[in-house]
Structure formats: structure tokens, C-alpha cells
Amino acid sequence: MDNNNNNNNNNNNKYIYLSVIGIIFLIIFYPAIKGLMTRWEEDANFSHGFIIPFVSIYLIWEKRKDLIYIPEEKSIWSLSFFILGIILYILGFVGQTQFIMGISFYISLISLVFYLGGKTLGKKLMFPMLFLIFMIPLPYSVYDRITIPLKFFATKMSSYLIAMIGIPFRLDGVIIRLPNTSLEVADACSGLRSLISLMALGAIFAYYNQKSIKKQSILFLSSIPIAVAGNILRITLTTWIAFVYGQKIATSFLHEFSGVLIFIFGLIFLYFIGELLNWAKK
């Protein structure tokens, strides 16, 4: 009975200790968390950020039975990364740079898990923790550097498809001029939003569908060309609808629906690539 009571007391003390550490951690990094949530709310390109932490929590919950048998240990070397995270957080807080504050929160969280749980626990939770990177919005400077060339590339490639299906047009930068109207490929149509979303889903699918890191990487990276190709098809489809039915129809709910449709096709392509990778090892 004494041993059982001692074990219960030790467990209770451990949970209290971890809870206190967790609360202190959240209080310290509250400005960073608030900044992330504000960006998720204000920028539709990163609205998926609200979902990412819950997905990671679910992935951890799936491993709950395995985590029970992991021996208690601490990883002292991870403290160096935690200190790095704190330094970055201070720099980001002083300079009011939300991206640096978000990255510092991410680094500090992972290093704290390694420190409290040890290398074995850290390895078990590696994917759920790495997956959290998708919750960090890109800084606007990086976002513009990716969005601008991406929309020019998508517009140019779409123009080849538009010419192939026989639609008369003239291309002026990112403006597609048709006989009856003109369409501008805006930043929102660059495909970056669908690219990030499909990469996140590709990471999850690769995690469950493949066993080797090599094939997981192949499946994950395939989400990039699939997302880009999907956006090119979306621009082409929107142009065809505008040519046949007019701009009002093309930019109505059909525009959003086409985005959903292309995204579904992207998931289907990911599935087929995953099946090909599974077939290749047989």
C-alpha cells in the first residue's frame, strides 16, 4: 500500500510540475501566440493555422499508449536550443517582429519537450512537433517574394493551355485579356494558399501512408508540383468560364468552387502517388 501511495504521490507531483511549467511557458509566450492567432484571423492564406495545433495534439494522443512506457529522462543539450529560442523571442519582442516571435515559440516548445521528456520521447513526438511549423505564417516580405513570381509563372503556364483550347486572348503580365472581358491573376490567385494547405495535408498523408523516410519525403514533396499544377488548371478553367459565360459568372461562387474542386483532385493525385510508392516496394 505504501508503494502504491508513493507512486501516486510521485505521479501527482509530476503532473503538477509539468502543469506549472506549461502555464509559465504559455504566459511567457502569450504575445507570440496572440500574434499568431491575429495573423491567422486576418490573413486567409494562413487561416489553416487554427487547425494545425489540434492536428498535432491528435497525433500525440494517438501515441498515448506508447508514451506510457518511455523511461523518464532529461536531455540537457536541448537547453541550448531553449536558450536560443528565448534570445530570439526577446529580439522579436523588442523589434515587434511577429515572425521571429513565432519561430522562437516553435523552437522553445520543441526544445522544452526534449528537455523534460528526453531524447526517446522527443523522437516519438518528432513528427507532431515538426508539423507545427505549418502554423507559422510567412513574413510579408517573404510572402511577396514567393507570391509575385508564383502568380507570373501560373499565368504564363495557363496561357499555353488557354491557347491550346482555342480561346483568343492577349497576355499582359498577369492580366489575361479576352475579347469580351479581362481577368487579372491577383495575389490571392497565386496558389500559395492551396500550396501550403496541400503541403500540410501531404505531410499527414505521407506520415500515415509510407513507412520509410525516403518515400515519405517523395510523397510530401510531390504535393508542391501538384498544388502548382492545380492552380494553373484553376486559372485556365476560370478563363474558359469567363470567355463562354462572362466575367461575372467566372468570378462568382464558381471561382471558389473551382478552387475546392482542384484541391480535391490534388488530394486524389497524392493518393495515387502514395499507391505507386506502395506498389514499388512489392
C-alpha atoms as a PDB file:
ATOM      1  CA  MET A   1       0.000   0.000   0.000  1.00  0.00           C
ATOM      2  CA  ASP A   2       2.834   2.389   0.860  1.00  0.00           C
ATOM      3  CA  ASN A   3       4.478   1.768  -2.505  1.00  0.00           C
ATOM      4  CA  ASN A   4       1.218   2.460  -4.337  1.00  0.00           C
ATOM      5  CA  ASN A   5       0.688   5.644  -2.359  1.00  0.00           C
ATOM      6  CA  ASN A   6       4.238   6.742  -3.069  1.00  0.00           C
ATOM      7  CA  ASN A   7       3.776   6.083  -6.802  1.00  0.00           C
ATOM      8  CA  ASN A   8       0.509   8.010  -6.828  1.00  0.00           C
ATOM      9  CA  ASN A   9       2.119  10.902  -4.989  1.00  0.00           C
ATOM     10  CA  ASN A  10       5.057  10.901  -7.390  1.00  0.00           C
ATOM     11  CA  ASN A  11       2.709  10.906 -10.385  1.00  0.00           C
ATOM     12  CA  ASN A  12       0.638  13.713  -8.901  1.00  0.00           C
ATOM     13  CA  ASN A  13       3.757  15.738  -8.191  1.00  0.00           C
ATOM     14  CA  LYS A  14       4.994  15.137 -11.723  1.00  0.00           C
ATOM     15  CA  TYR A  15       1.697  16.290 -13.255  1.00  0.00           C
ATOM     16  CA  ILE A  16       1.663  19.371 -11.033  1.00  0.00           C
ATOM     17  CA  TYR A  17       5.269  20.137 -12.003  1.00  0.00           C
ATOM     18  CA  LEU A  18       4.539  19.768 -15.729  1.00  0.00           C
ATOM     19  CA  SER A  19       1.353  21.817 -15.438  1.00  0.00           C
ATOM     20  CA  VAL A  20       3.193  24.649 -13.710  1.00  0.00           C
ATOM     21  CA  ILE A  21       5.945  24.572 -16.351  1.00  0.00           C
ATOM     22  CA  GLY A  22       3.311  24.581 -19.103  1.00  0.00           C
ATOM     23  CA  ILE A  23       1.413  27.514 -17.616  1.00  0.00           C
ATOM     24  CA  ILE A  24       4.589  29.556 -17.147  1.00  0.00           C
ATOM     25  CA  PHE A  25       5.639  28.758 -20.717  1.00  0.00           C
ATOM     26  CA  LEU A  26       2.265  29.891 -22.119  1.00  0.00           C
ATOM     27  CA  ILE A  27       2.328  33.097 -20.053  1.00  0.00           C
ATOM     28  CA  ILE A  28       5.829  33.975 -21.283  1.00  0.00           C
ATOM     29  CA  PHE A  29       4.972  33.293 -24.914  1.00  0.00           C
ATOM     30  CA  TYR A  30       1.463  34.732 -24.814  1.00  0.00           C
ATOM     31  CA  PRO A  31       2.399  37.727 -27.043  1.00  0.00           C
ATOM     32  CA  ALA A  32       3.777  35.308 -29.667  1.00  0.00           C
ATOM     33  CA  ILE A  33       0.675  33.092 -29.502  1.00  0.00           C
ATOM     34  CA  LYS A  34      -1.598  36.134 -29.720  1.00  0.00           C
ATOM     35  CA  GLY A  35       0.361  37.401 -32.731  1.00  0.00           C
ATOM     36  CA  LEU A  36      -0.006  34.050 -34.492  1.00  0.00           C
ATOM     37  CA  MET A  37      -3.763  33.924 -33.867  1.00  0.00           C
ATOM     38  CA  THR A  38      -4.200  37.507 -35.087  1.00  0.00           C
ATOM     39  CA  ARG A  39      -2.423  36.691 -38.367  1.00  0.00           C
ATOM     40  CA  TRP A  40      -4.496  33.512 -38.785  1.00  0.00           C
ATOM     41  CA  GLU A  41      -7.657  35.535 -38.339  1.00  0.00           C
ATOM     42  CA  GLU A  42      -6.710  38.454 -40.575  1.00  0.00           C
ATOM     43  CA  ASP A  43      -4.902  36.622 -43.400  1.00  0.00           C
ATOM     44  CA  ALA A  44      -6.941  33.964 -45.217  1.00  0.00           C
ATOM     45  CA  ASN A  45      -3.728  32.478 -46.646  1.00  0.00           C
ATOM     46  CA  PHE A  46      -2.821  31.264 -43.158  1.00  0.00           C
ATOM     47  CA  SER A  47      -6.257  30.644 -41.640  1.00  0.00           C
ATOM     48  CA  HIS A  48      -5.372  26.940 -41.506  1.00  0.00           C
ATOM     49  CA  GLY A  49      -3.130  27.851 -38.561  1.00  0.00           C
ATOM     50  CA  PHE A  50      -6.099  27.433 -36.212  1.00  0.00           C
ATOM     51  CA  ILE A  51      -6.304  23.738 -37.156  1.00  0.00           C
ATOM     52  CA  ILE A  52      -2.607  22.799 -37.065  1.00  0.00           C
ATOM     53  CA  PRO A  53      -2.168  22.653 -33.230  1.00  0.00           C
ATOM     54  CA  PHE A  54      -5.244  20.437 -32.878  1.00  0.00           C
ATOM     55  CA  VAL A  55      -3.914  18.070 -35.545  1.00  0.00           C
ATOM     56  CA  SER A  56      -0.614  17.830 -33.660  1.00  0.00           C
ATOM     57  CA  ILE A  57      -2.456  17.179 -30.390  1.00  0.00           C
ATOM     58  CA  TYR A  58      -4.416  14.387 -32.074  1.00  0.00           C
ATOM     59  CA  LEU A  59      -1.205  12.848 -33.452  1.00  0.00           C
ATOM     60  CA  ILE A  60       0.249  12.883 -29.931  1.00  0.00           C
ATOM     61  CA  TRP A  61      -2.952  11.432 -28.465  1.00  0.00           C
ATOM     62  CA  GLU A  62      -2.685   8.537 -30.927  1.00  0.00           C
ATOM     63  CA  LYS A  63       0.687   7.661 -29.393  1.00  0.00           C
ATOM     64  CA  ARG A  64      -0.525   7.877 -25.790  1.00  0.00           C
ATOM     65  CA  LYS A  65      -0.153   4.143 -25.115  1.00  0.00           C
ATOM     66  CA  ASP A  66       3.436   4.090 -26.360  1.00  0.00           C
ATOM     67  CA  LEU A  67       4.350   7.180 -24.361  1.00  0.00           C
ATOM     68  CA  ILE A  68       3.474   5.479 -21.060  1.00  0.00           C
ATOM     69  CA  TYR A  69       6.402   3.067 -21.367  1.00  0.00           C
ATOM     70  CA  ILE A  70       9.030   5.662 -22.246  1.00  0.00           C
ATOM     71  CA  PRO A  71      11.541   5.949 -19.379  1.00  0.00           C
ATOM     72  CA  GLU A  72      11.836   9.296 -17.628  1.00  0.00           C
ATOM     73  CA  GLU A  73      14.950  11.188 -18.648  1.00  0.00           C
ATOM     74  CA  LYS A  74      16.126  14.676 -19.431  1.00  0.00           C
ATOM     75  CA  SER A  75      18.048  15.926 -22.441  1.00  0.00           C
ATOM     76  CA  ILE A  76      20.431  18.576 -21.164  1.00  0.00           C
ATOM     77  CA  TRP A  77      21.749  19.507 -24.629  1.00  0.00           C
ATOM     78  CA  SER A  78      18.266  20.722 -25.608  1.00  0.00           C
ATOM     79  CA  LEU A  79      18.638  23.564 -23.113  1.00  0.00           C
ATOM     80  CA  SER A  80      20.988  25.297 -25.570  1.00  0.00           C
ATOM     81  CA  PHE A  81      18.166  25.391 -28.146  1.00  0.00           C
ATOM     82  CA  PHE A  82      15.741  26.593 -25.490  1.00  0.00           C
ATOM     83  CA  ILE A  83      18.105  29.448 -24.628  1.00  0.00           C
ATOM     84  CA  LEU A  84      18.393  30.223 -28.355  1.00  0.00           C
ATOM     85  CA  GLY A  85      14.602  30.335 -28.555  1.00  0.00           C
ATOM     86  CA  ILE A  86      14.404  32.726 -25.606  1.00  0.00           C
ATOM     87  CA  ILE A  87      17.047  35.015 -27.132  1.00  0.00           C
ATOM     88  CA  LEU A  88      15.152  35.081 -30.440  1.00  0.00           C
ATOM     89  CA  TYR A  89      11.940  35.775 -28.543  1.00  0.00           C
ATOM     90  CA  ILE A  90      13.470  38.760 -26.759  1.00  0.00           C
ATOM     91  CA  LEU A  91      14.821  40.118 -30.061  1.00  0.00           C
ATOM     92  CA  GLY A  92      11.462  39.593 -31.769  1.00  0.00           C
ATOM     93  CA  PHE A  93       9.552  41.150 -28.874  1.00  0.00           C
ATOM     94  CA  VAL A  94      11.790  44.226 -28.750  1.00  0.00           C
ATOM     95  CA  GLY A  95      11.632  44.647 -32.533  1.00  0.00           C
ATOM     96  CA  GLN A  96       7.939  43.685 -32.665  1.00  0.00           C
ATOM     97  CA  THR A  97       8.694  41.095 -35.355  1.00  0.00           C
ATOM     98  CA  GLN A  98       5.889  38.571 -35.200  1.00  0.00           C
ATOM     99  CA  PHE A  99       7.629  36.013 -37.411  1.00  0.00           C
ATOM    100  CA  ILE A 100      10.712  35.858 -35.163  1.00  0.00           C
ATOM    101  CA  MET A 101       8.473  35.626 -32.094  1.00  0.00           C
ATOM    102  CA  GLY A 102       6.542  32.765 -33.722  1.00  0.00           C
ATOM    103  CA  ILE A 103       9.715  30.883 -34.660  1.00  0.00           C
ATOM    104  CA  SER A 104      11.136  31.401 -31.166  1.00  0.00           C
ATOM    105  CA  PHE A 105       7.939  29.957 -29.686  1.00  0.00           C
ATOM    106  CA  TYR A 106       8.257  26.949 -32.009  1.00  0.00           C
ATOM    107  CA  ILE A 107      11.942  26.323 -31.187  1.00  0.00           C
ATOM    108  CA  SER A 108      11.419  26.792 -27.445  1.00  0.00           C
ATOM    109  CA  LEU A 109       8.434  24.436 -27.381  1.00  0.00           C
ATOM    110  CA  ILE A 110      10.286  21.603 -29.116  1.00  0.00           C
ATOM    111  CA  SER A 111      13.439  22.034 -27.035  1.00  0.00           C
ATOM    112  CA  LEU A 112      11.357  22.098 -23.824  1.00  0.00           C
ATOM    113  CA  VAL A 113       9.720  18.789 -24.779  1.00  0.00           C
ATOM    114  CA  PHE A 114      13.151  17.265 -25.391  1.00  0.00           C
ATOM    115  CA  TYR A 115      14.460  18.629 -22.100  1.00  0.00           C
ATOM    116  CA  LEU A 116      11.542  17.413 -19.965  1.00  0.00           C
ATOM    117  CA  GLY A 117      10.960  14.107 -21.767  1.00  0.00           C
ATOM    118  CA  GLY A 118      14.366  13.211 -23.109  1.00  0.00           C
ATOM    119  CA  LYS A 119      15.597  12.061 -26.493  1.00  0.00           C
ATOM    120  CA  THR A 120      13.336   8.986 -26.628  1.00  0.00           C
ATOM    121  CA  LEU A 121      10.162  10.992 -26.066  1.00  0.00           C
ATOM    122  CA  GLY A 122      11.372  13.692 -28.446  1.00  0.00           C
ATOM    123  CA  LYS A 123      11.876  11.149 -31.226  1.00  0.00           C
ATOM    124  CA  LYS A 124       8.419   9.670 -30.632  1.00  0.00           C
ATOM    125  CA  LEU A 125       6.830  13.104 -30.920  1.00  0.00           C
ATOM    126  CA  MET A 126       9.104  14.379 -33.682  1.00  0.00           C
ATOM    127  CA  PHE A 127       6.508  14.431 -36.469  1.00  0.00           C
ATOM    128  CA  PRO A 128       3.697  16.054 -34.429  1.00  0.00           C
ATOM    129  CA  MET A 129       6.173  18.732 -33.342  1.00  0.00           C
ATOM    130  CA  LEU A 130       7.636  19.285 -36.819  1.00  0.00           C
ATOM    131  CA  PHE A 131       4.097  19.517 -38.198  1.00  0.00           C
ATOM    132  CA  LEU A 132       3.563  22.625 -36.057  1.00  0.00           C
ATOM    133  CA  ILE A 133       5.794  24.567 -38.482  1.00  0.00           C
ATOM    134  CA  PHE A 134       2.731  24.933 -40.715  1.00  0.00           C
ATOM    135  CA  MET A 135       1.134  27.183 -38.099  1.00  0.00           C
ATOM    136  CA  ILE A 136       3.874  29.828 -38.531  1.00  0.00           C
ATOM    137  CA  PRO A 137       2.773  32.403 -41.149  1.00  0.00           C
ATOM    138  CA  LEU A 138       5.406  33.650 -43.551  1.00  0.00           C
ATOM    139  CA  PRO A 139       6.588  37.236 -43.041  1.00  0.00           C
ATOM    140  CA  TYR A 140       5.076  39.624 -45.586  1.00  0.00           C
ATOM    141  CA  SER A 141       8.442  40.254 -47.232  1.00  0.00           C
ATOM    142  CA  VAL A 142       8.938  36.536 -47.916  1.00  0.00           C
ATOM    143  CA  TYR A 143       5.270  36.142 -48.837  1.00  0.00           C
ATOM    144  CA  ASP A 144       5.595  38.799 -51.564  1.00  0.00           C
ATOM    145  CA  ARG A 145       8.811  37.287 -52.912  1.00  0.00           C
ATOM    146  CA  ILE A 146       7.054  33.942 -53.333  1.00  0.00           C
ATOM    147  CA  THR A 147       3.628  35.187 -54.419  1.00  0.00           C
ATOM    148  CA  ILE A 148       4.738  37.510 -57.236  1.00  0.00           C
ATOM    149  CA  PRO A 149       6.880  35.025 -59.229  1.00  0.00           C
ATOM    150  CA  LEU A 150       4.376  32.256 -58.451  1.00  0.00           C
ATOM    151  CA  LYS A 151       1.435  34.123 -59.966  1.00  0.00           C
ATOM    152  CA  PHE A 152       3.506  35.174 -63.007  1.00  0.00           C
ATOM    153  CA  PHE A 153       4.540  31.552 -63.546  1.00  0.00           C
ATOM    154  CA  ALA A 154       0.974  30.262 -63.125  1.00  0.00           C
ATOM    155  CA  THR A 155      -0.371  32.899 -65.516  1.00  0.00           C
ATOM    156  CA  LYS A 156       2.272  32.125 -68.146  1.00  0.00           C
ATOM    157  CA  MET A 157       1.691  28.369 -67.974  1.00  0.00           C
ATOM    158  CA  SER A 158      -2.078  28.895 -68.066  1.00  0.00           C
ATOM    159  CA  SER A 159      -1.683  30.945 -71.234  1.00  0.00           C
ATOM    160  CA  TYR A 160      -0.287  27.888 -73.023  1.00  0.00           C
ATOM    161  CA  LEU A 161      -3.312  25.823 -72.010  1.00  0.00           C
ATOM    162  CA  ILE A 162      -5.687  28.639 -72.958  1.00  0.00           C
ATOM    163  CA  ALA A 163      -4.076  28.803 -76.402  1.00  0.00           C
ATOM    164  CA  MET A 164      -4.331  25.018 -76.760  1.00  0.00           C
ATOM    165  CA  ILE A 165      -8.099  25.037 -76.227  1.00  0.00           C
ATOM    166  CA  GLY A 166      -8.501  27.767 -78.832  1.00  0.00           C
ATOM    167  CA  ILE A 167      -9.525  30.777 -76.739  1.00  0.00           C
ATOM    168  CA  PRO A 168      -8.394  34.090 -78.297  1.00  0.00           C
ATOM    169  CA  PHE A 169      -6.573  36.242 -75.750  1.00  0.00           C
ATOM    170  CA  ARG A 170      -3.691  38.613 -75.116  1.00  0.00           C
ATOM    171  CA  LEU A 171      -1.420  38.299 -72.114  1.00  0.00           C
ATOM    172  CA  ASP A 172      -0.262  41.481 -70.371  1.00  0.00           C
ATOM    173  CA  GLY A 173       1.805  40.436 -67.378  1.00  0.00           C
ATOM    174  CA  VAL A 174      -0.746  38.810 -65.073  1.00  0.00           C
ATOM    175  CA  ILE A 175      -3.743  40.180 -66.967  1.00  0.00           C
ATOM    176  CA  ILE A 176      -5.482  37.860 -69.426  1.00  0.00           C
ATOM    177  CA  ARG A 177      -7.357  39.981 -71.972  1.00  0.00           C
ATOM    178  CA  LEU A 178     -10.240  38.205 -73.685  1.00  0.00           C
ATOM    179  CA  PRO A 179     -12.479  39.550 -76.476  1.00  0.00           C
ATOM    180  CA  ASN A 180     -15.340  40.076 -74.008  1.00  0.00           C
ATOM    181  CA  THR A 181     -13.516  40.836 -70.726  1.00  0.00           C
ATOM    182  CA  SER A 182     -10.222  40.861 -68.862  1.00  0.00           C
ATOM    183  CA  LEU A 183      -9.054  38.769 -65.920  1.00  0.00           C
ATOM    184  CA  GLU A 184      -6.271  39.682 -63.537  1.00  0.00           C
ATOM    185  CA  VAL A 185      -4.463  36.976 -61.619  1.00  0.00           C
ATOM    186  CA  ALA A 186      -4.319  38.624 -58.199  1.00  0.00           C
ATOM    187  CA  ASP A 187      -2.067  37.696 -55.275  1.00  0.00           C
ATOM    188  CA  ALA A 188      -4.900  35.600 -53.831  1.00  0.00           C
ATOM    189  CA  CYS A 189      -4.852  33.534 -57.041  1.00  0.00           C
ATOM    190  CA  SER A 190      -1.109  32.874 -56.932  1.00  0.00           C
ATOM    191  CA  GLY A 191      -1.804  29.441 -55.471  1.00  0.00           C
ATOM    192  CA  LEU A 192       0.285  29.964 -52.330  1.00  0.00           C
ATOM    193  CA  ARG A 193      -2.687  29.289 -50.050  1.00  0.00           C
ATOM    194  CA  SER A 194      -3.503  25.969 -51.723  1.00  0.00           C
ATOM    195  CA  LEU A 195       0.219  25.154 -51.874  1.00  0.00           C
ATOM    196  CA  ILE A 196       0.691  25.490 -48.112  1.00  0.00           C
ATOM    197  CA  SER A 197      -2.570  23.668 -47.355  1.00  0.00           C
ATOM    198  CA  LEU A 198      -1.764  20.782 -49.698  1.00  0.00           C
ATOM    199  CA  MET A 199       1.769  20.532 -48.282  1.00  0.00           C
ATOM    200  CA  ALA A 200       0.304  20.219 -44.777  1.00  0.00           C
ATOM    201  CA  LEU A 201      -2.118  17.526 -45.911  1.00  0.00           C
ATOM    202  CA  GLY A 202       0.665  15.895 -47.919  1.00  0.00           C
ATOM    203  CA  ALA A 203       2.787  15.687 -44.768  1.00  0.00           C
ATOM    204  CA  ILE A 204      -0.049  13.973 -42.884  1.00  0.00           C
ATOM    205  CA  PHE A 205      -0.782  11.600 -45.752  1.00  0.00           C
ATOM    206  CA  ALA A 206       2.905  10.705 -46.170  1.00  0.00           C
ATOM    207  CA  TYR A 207       3.166  10.082 -42.423  1.00  0.00           C
ATOM    208  CA  TYR A 208       0.334   7.541 -42.475  1.00  0.00           C
ATOM    209  CA  ASN A 209       0.819   6.096 -45.959  1.00  0.00           C
ATOM    210  CA  GLN A 210       4.554   5.442 -46.053  1.00  0.00           C
ATOM    211  CA  LYS A 211       6.984   3.834 -43.628  1.00  0.00           C
ATOM    212  CA  SER A 212      10.404   4.862 -44.917  1.00  0.00           C
ATOM    213  CA  ILE A 213      11.614   8.447 -44.588  1.00  0.00           C
ATOM    214  CA  LYS A 214      12.700   8.401 -48.246  1.00  0.00           C
ATOM    215  CA  LYS A 215       9.230   7.590 -49.564  1.00  0.00           C
ATOM    216  CA  GLN A 216       7.574   9.901 -47.059  1.00  0.00           C
ATOM    217  CA  SER A 217       9.777  12.703 -48.397  1.00  0.00           C
ATOM    218  CA  ILE A 218       8.931  11.864 -52.023  1.00  0.00           C
ATOM    219  CA  LEU A 219       5.201  11.829 -51.308  1.00  0.00           C
ATOM    220  CA  PHE A 220       5.386  15.043 -49.292  1.00  0.00           C
ATOM    221  CA  LEU A 221       7.449  16.915 -51.912  1.00  0.00           C
ATOM    222  CA  SER A 222       5.086  15.766 -54.678  1.00  0.00           C
ATOM    223  CA  SER A 223       2.427  17.988 -53.104  1.00  0.00           C
ATOM    224  CA  ILE A 224       4.348  21.064 -54.362  1.00  0.00           C
ATOM    225  CA  PRO A 225       4.108  20.424 -58.157  1.00  0.00           C
ATOM    226  CA  ILE A 226       0.585  19.058 -57.686  1.00  0.00           C
ATOM    227  CA  ALA A 227      -0.545  22.283 -55.973  1.00  0.00           C
ATOM    228  CA  VAL A 228       1.141  24.470 -58.613  1.00  0.00           C
ATOM    229  CA  ALA A 229      -0.367  22.442 -61.467  1.00  0.00           C
ATOM    230  CA  GLY A 230      -3.772  22.587 -59.797  1.00  0.00           C
ATOM    231  CA  ASN A 231      -3.640  26.382 -59.625  1.00  0.00           C
ATOM    232  CA  ILE A 232      -2.671  26.568 -63.306  1.00  0.00           C
ATOM    233  CA  LEU A 233      -5.707  24.456 -64.169  1.00  0.00           C
ATOM    234  CA  ARG A 234      -7.893  26.679 -61.994  1.00  0.00           C
ATOM    235  CA  ILE A 235      -6.778  29.835 -63.820  1.00  0.00           C
ATOM    236  CA  THR A 236      -7.378  28.097 -67.156  1.00  0.00           C
ATOM    237  CA  LEU A 237     -10.840  26.953 -66.085  1.00  0.00           C
ATOM    238  CA  THR A 238     -11.752  30.428 -64.812  1.00  0.00           C
ATOM    239  CA  THR A 239     -10.611  31.939 -68.115  1.00  0.00           C
ATOM    240  CA  TRP A 240     -12.731  29.475 -70.108  1.00  0.00           C
ATOM    241  CA  ILE A 241     -15.801  30.250 -67.980  1.00  0.00           C
ATOM    242  CA  ALA A 242     -15.201  33.999 -68.412  1.00  0.00           C
ATOM    243  CA  PHE A 243     -14.879  33.586 -72.188  1.00  0.00           C
ATOM    244  CA  VAL A 244     -18.034  31.476 -72.508  1.00  0.00           C
ATOM    245  CA  TYR A 245     -20.282  32.875 -69.773  1.00  0.00           C
ATOM    246  CA  GLY A 246     -18.754  36.231 -68.870  1.00  0.00           C
ATOM    247  CA  GLN A 247     -16.619  37.631 -66.060  1.00  0.00           C
ATOM    248  CA  LYS A 248     -19.480  37.891 -63.564  1.00  0.00           C
ATOM    249  CA  ILE A 249     -20.110  34.156 -63.691  1.00  0.00           C
ATOM    250  CA  ALA A 250     -16.391  33.310 -63.679  1.00  0.00           C
ATOM    251  CA  THR A 251     -15.664  35.357 -60.556  1.00  0.00           C
ATOM    252  CA  SER A 252     -18.806  34.295 -58.662  1.00  0.00           C
ATOM    253  CA  PHE A 253     -19.157  31.242 -56.444  1.00  0.00           C
ATOM    254  CA  LEU A 254     -17.842  29.131 -59.332  1.00  0.00           C
ATOM    255  CA  HIS A 255     -14.397  30.624 -58.719  1.00  0.00           C
ATOM    256  CA  GLU A 256     -14.371  29.384 -55.120  1.00  0.00           C
ATOM    257  CA  PHE A 257     -15.953  26.087 -56.131  1.00  0.00           C
ATOM    258  CA  SER A 258     -13.280  25.510 -58.775  1.00  0.00           C
ATOM    259  CA  GLY A 259     -10.646  26.034 -56.067  1.00  0.00           C
ATOM    260  CA  VAL A 260     -12.248  23.355 -53.900  1.00  0.00           C
ATOM    261  CA  LEU A 261     -12.587  21.032 -56.899  1.00  0.00           C
ATOM    262  CA  ILE A 262      -8.945  21.425 -57.918  1.00  0.00           C
ATOM    263  CA  PHE A 263      -7.888  20.876 -54.297  1.00  0.00           C
ATOM    264  CA  ILE A 264      -9.845  17.600 -54.204  1.00  0.00           C
ATOM    265  CA  PHE A 265      -8.141  16.488 -57.411  1.00  0.00           C
ATOM    266  CA  GLY A 266      -4.825  17.341 -55.768  1.00  0.00           C
ATOM    267  CA  LEU A 267      -5.634  15.009 -52.887  1.00  0.00           C
ATOM    268  CA  ILE A 268      -6.583  12.280 -55.362  1.00  0.00           C
ATOM    269  CA  PHE A 269      -3.231  12.679 -57.124  1.00  0.00           C
ATOM    270  CA  LEU A 270      -1.458  12.431 -53.767  1.00  0.00           C
ATOM    271  CA  TYR A 271      -3.341   9.211 -53.099  1.00  0.00           C
ATOM    272  CA  PHE A 272      -2.302   7.708 -56.445  1.00  0.00           C
ATOM    273  CA  ILE A 273       1.340   8.668 -55.918  1.00  0.00           C
ATOM    274  CA  GLY A 274       1.170   7.045 -52.497  1.00  0.00           C
ATOM    275  CA  GLU A 275      -0.237   3.878 -54.035  1.00  0.00           C
ATOM    276  CA  LEU A 276       2.509   3.880 -56.650  1.00  0.00           C
ATOM    277  CA  LEU A 277       5.131   4.144 -53.923  1.00  0.00           C
ATOM    278  CA  ASN A 278       3.469   1.280 -52.036  1.00  0.00           C
ATOM    279  CA  TRP A 279       3.354  -0.810 -55.201  1.00  0.00           C
ATOM    280  CA  ALA A 280       7.025  -0.094 -55.934  1.00  0.00           C
ATOM    281  CA  LYS A 281       8.177  -1.905 -52.784  1.00  0.00           C
ATOM    282  CA  LYS A 282       6.225  -5.087 -53.552  1.00  0.00           C
END
